[in-house]
N, C-alpha and C. Protein backbone atom coordinates (compact mmCIF):
# COMPACT_ATOMS: atom_id res chain seq x y z
N MET A 1 0.86 -1.18 0.00
CA MET A 1 0.00 0.00 0.00
C MET A 1 0.89 1.23 0.00
N THR A 2 0.58 2.17 -0.88
CA THR A 2 1.38 3.38 -0.97
C THR A 2 0.83 4.45 -0.04
N LYS A 3 1.73 5.33 0.34
CA LYS A 3 1.32 6.43 1.22
C LYS A 3 0.66 7.52 0.38
N ALA A 4 -0.41 8.09 0.91
CA ALA A 4 -1.14 9.14 0.20
C ALA A 4 -0.32 10.42 0.15
N SER A 5 -0.43 11.11 -0.97
CA SER A 5 0.27 12.39 -1.09
C SER A 5 -0.42 13.43 -0.21
N PRO A 6 0.29 14.51 0.11
CA PRO A 6 -0.33 15.56 0.93
C PRO A 6 -1.60 16.13 0.30
N ASP A 7 -1.63 16.20 -1.04
CA ASP A 7 -2.83 16.71 -1.71
C ASP A 7 -4.01 15.76 -1.49
N HIS A 8 -3.76 14.47 -1.56
CA HIS A 8 -4.82 13.49 -1.32
C HIS A 8 -5.26 13.51 0.14
N GLN A 9 -4.32 13.71 1.03
CA GLN A 9 -4.68 13.78 2.45
C GLN A 9 -5.56 15.00 2.73
N GLN A 10 -5.22 16.12 2.13
CA GLN A 10 -6.01 17.34 2.31
C GLN A 10 -7.42 17.15 1.73
N THR A 11 -7.51 16.52 0.59
CA THR A 11 -8.82 16.26 -0.01
C THR A 11 -9.63 15.32 0.88
N GLY A 12 -8.99 14.31 1.42
CA GLY A 12 -9.68 13.39 2.33
C GLY A 12 -10.19 14.09 3.58
N ARG A 13 -9.39 14.99 4.14
CA ARG A 13 -9.83 15.76 5.31
C ARG A 13 -11.01 16.66 4.96
N ARG A 14 -10.97 17.26 3.78
CA ARG A 14 -12.06 18.12 3.34
C ARG A 14 -13.36 17.32 3.19
N ILE A 15 -13.25 16.12 2.66
CA ILE A 15 -14.42 15.26 2.51
C ILE A 15 -14.96 14.87 3.89
N ALA A 16 -14.05 14.52 4.80
CA ALA A 16 -14.48 14.15 6.15
C ALA A 16 -15.19 15.30 6.85
N LEU A 17 -14.69 16.52 6.67
CA LEU A 17 -15.34 17.69 7.26
C LEU A 17 -16.71 17.94 6.64
N LEU A 18 -16.83 17.70 5.35
CA LEU A 18 -18.12 17.86 4.68
C LEU A 18 -19.13 16.87 5.25
N ILE A 19 -18.73 15.63 5.41
CA ILE A 19 -19.64 14.61 5.94
C ILE A 19 -20.02 14.92 7.39
N ALA A 20 -19.03 15.23 8.22
CA ALA A 20 -19.31 15.52 9.63
C ALA A 20 -20.14 16.80 9.77
N GLY A 21 -19.80 17.83 9.02
CA GLY A 21 -20.54 19.09 9.10
C GLY A 21 -21.98 18.94 8.63
N THR A 22 -22.17 18.16 7.58
CA THR A 22 -23.53 17.92 7.09
C THR A 22 -24.35 17.18 8.13
N GLY A 23 -23.76 16.17 8.75
CA GLY A 23 -24.48 15.41 9.77
C GLY A 23 -24.86 16.26 10.96
N VAL A 24 -23.93 17.05 11.44
CA VAL A 24 -24.19 17.91 12.60
C VAL A 24 -25.23 18.98 12.25
N ALA A 25 -25.09 19.58 11.08
CA ALA A 25 -26.04 20.61 10.67
C ALA A 25 -27.44 20.02 10.48
N TRP A 26 -27.53 18.83 9.93
CA TRP A 26 -28.83 18.20 9.71
C TRP A 26 -29.52 17.90 11.04
N ILE A 27 -28.76 17.39 12.01
CA ILE A 27 -29.33 17.11 13.33
C ILE A 27 -29.77 18.41 14.00
N ALA A 28 -28.93 19.44 13.92
CA ALA A 28 -29.26 20.73 14.55
C ALA A 28 -30.50 21.36 13.92
N ILE A 29 -30.59 21.31 12.60
CA ILE A 29 -31.75 21.90 11.92
C ILE A 29 -33.02 21.13 12.26
N ASN A 30 -32.94 19.80 12.35
CA ASN A 30 -34.12 19.02 12.73
C ASN A 30 -34.56 19.32 14.15
N ALA A 31 -33.60 19.47 15.05
CA ALA A 31 -33.95 19.81 16.43
C ALA A 31 -34.55 21.21 16.51
N LEU A 32 -33.96 22.15 15.80
CA LEU A 32 -34.48 23.52 15.78
C LEU A 32 -35.88 23.55 15.17
N GLY A 33 -36.05 22.84 14.09
CA GLY A 33 -37.35 22.81 13.43
C GLY A 33 -38.43 22.18 14.29
N ALA A 34 -38.07 21.13 15.03
CA ALA A 34 -39.05 20.49 15.91
C ALA A 34 -39.44 21.42 17.06
N SER A 35 -38.46 22.14 17.59
CA SER A 35 -38.77 23.04 18.71
C SER A 35 -39.54 24.28 18.27
N MET A 36 -39.35 24.69 17.02
CA MET A 36 -40.04 25.89 16.53
C MET A 36 -41.32 25.55 15.77
N GLY A 37 -41.61 24.27 15.61
CA GLY A 37 -42.84 23.86 14.97
C GLY A 37 -42.87 24.06 13.46
N TRP A 38 -41.72 23.88 12.80
CA TRP A 38 -41.68 24.02 11.35
C TRP A 38 -42.51 22.91 10.71
N SER A 39 -43.02 23.16 9.54
CA SER A 39 -43.84 22.17 8.85
C SER A 39 -42.95 21.03 8.33
N SER A 40 -43.60 19.92 8.07
CA SER A 40 -42.88 18.77 7.53
C SER A 40 -42.29 19.09 6.16
N ARG A 41 -42.96 19.93 5.44
CA ARG A 41 -42.48 20.32 4.12
C ARG A 41 -41.16 21.09 4.23
N THR A 42 -41.06 21.98 5.20
CA THR A 42 -39.83 22.74 5.40
C THR A 42 -38.70 21.83 5.84
N LEU A 43 -38.99 20.92 6.76
CA LEU A 43 -37.97 19.98 7.22
C LEU A 43 -37.53 19.06 6.09
N ALA A 44 -38.46 18.69 5.20
CA ALA A 44 -38.11 17.84 4.06
C ALA A 44 -37.14 18.55 3.13
N LEU A 45 -37.27 19.85 3.01
CA LEU A 45 -36.33 20.62 2.19
C LEU A 45 -34.91 20.49 2.74
N PHE A 46 -34.77 20.59 4.05
CA PHE A 46 -33.44 20.42 4.66
C PHE A 46 -32.96 18.98 4.56
N ASP A 47 -33.87 18.03 4.61
CA ASP A 47 -33.49 16.63 4.40
C ASP A 47 -32.91 16.43 3.00
N LEU A 48 -33.55 17.02 2.01
CA LEU A 48 -33.06 16.91 0.64
C LEU A 48 -31.70 17.59 0.48
N ALA A 49 -31.51 18.71 1.16
CA ALA A 49 -30.21 19.38 1.10
C ALA A 49 -29.12 18.50 1.71
N ALA A 50 -29.45 17.83 2.82
CA ALA A 50 -28.47 16.94 3.45
C ALA A 50 -28.16 15.75 2.54
N ILE A 51 -29.18 15.20 1.91
CA ILE A 51 -28.96 14.09 0.98
C ILE A 51 -28.06 14.53 -0.17
N ALA A 52 -28.28 15.75 -0.68
CA ALA A 52 -27.44 16.28 -1.76
C ALA A 52 -25.99 16.43 -1.29
N ALA A 53 -25.79 16.91 -0.08
CA ALA A 53 -24.42 17.08 0.44
C ALA A 53 -23.74 15.72 0.63
N PHE A 54 -24.48 14.74 1.14
CA PHE A 54 -23.91 13.40 1.28
C PHE A 54 -23.60 12.79 -0.09
N GLY A 55 -24.46 13.03 -1.05
CA GLY A 55 -24.20 12.54 -2.41
C GLY A 55 -22.97 13.18 -3.01
N TRP A 56 -22.81 14.48 -2.76
CA TRP A 56 -21.62 15.18 -3.24
C TRP A 56 -20.37 14.59 -2.58
N ALA A 57 -20.45 14.27 -1.30
CA ALA A 57 -19.31 13.68 -0.60
C ALA A 57 -18.95 12.33 -1.22
N ILE A 58 -19.96 11.53 -1.56
CA ILE A 58 -19.69 10.24 -2.19
C ILE A 58 -19.01 10.45 -3.55
N TRP A 59 -19.48 11.44 -4.29
CA TRP A 59 -18.86 11.76 -5.58
C TRP A 59 -17.40 12.18 -5.38
N MET A 60 -17.12 12.97 -4.35
CA MET A 60 -15.75 13.39 -4.07
C MET A 60 -14.88 12.21 -3.65
N ILE A 61 -15.45 11.28 -2.88
CA ILE A 61 -14.70 10.09 -2.48
C ILE A 61 -14.34 9.26 -3.71
N TYR A 62 -15.28 9.14 -4.63
CA TYR A 62 -15.01 8.40 -5.87
C TYR A 62 -13.89 9.08 -6.66
N GLY A 63 -13.93 10.40 -6.74
CA GLY A 63 -12.88 11.13 -7.44
C GLY A 63 -11.52 10.96 -6.77
N LEU A 64 -11.51 10.97 -5.45
CA LEU A 64 -10.26 10.76 -4.72
C LEU A 64 -9.74 9.35 -4.95
N TRP A 65 -10.62 8.38 -4.94
CA TRP A 65 -10.22 6.99 -5.19
C TRP A 65 -9.62 6.85 -6.58
N ARG A 66 -10.28 7.48 -7.58
CA ARG A 66 -9.76 7.42 -8.95
C ARG A 66 -8.38 8.08 -9.05
N ALA A 67 -8.21 9.21 -8.37
CA ALA A 67 -6.93 9.91 -8.41
C ALA A 67 -5.83 9.06 -7.78
N ARG A 68 -6.17 8.35 -6.72
CA ARG A 68 -5.15 7.49 -6.08
C ARG A 68 -4.84 6.27 -6.91
N GLN A 69 -5.79 5.79 -7.71
CA GLN A 69 -5.54 4.64 -8.57
C GLN A 69 -4.61 5.00 -9.72
N GLN A 70 -4.69 6.24 -10.18
CA GLN A 70 -3.86 6.68 -11.32
C GLN A 70 -2.43 7.02 -10.90
N LYS A 71 -2.18 7.10 -9.62
CA LYS A 71 -0.87 7.50 -9.12
C LYS A 71 0.18 6.46 -9.40
């Protein structure tokens, strides 16, 4: 197994922060929405945004994997 380059490590950290930040933000928004009585439709909008962010993270992981395979 080869060691990851600093650029790949930085990209991996960025992806990890995206995943963690999305999860924390999604939980916080759901808690805030429940306490403020937001409609299910409004909460569903934030759910879709979180799904999009997680999908983007998966796409970035795939790109990182491809970049490491070409090395």
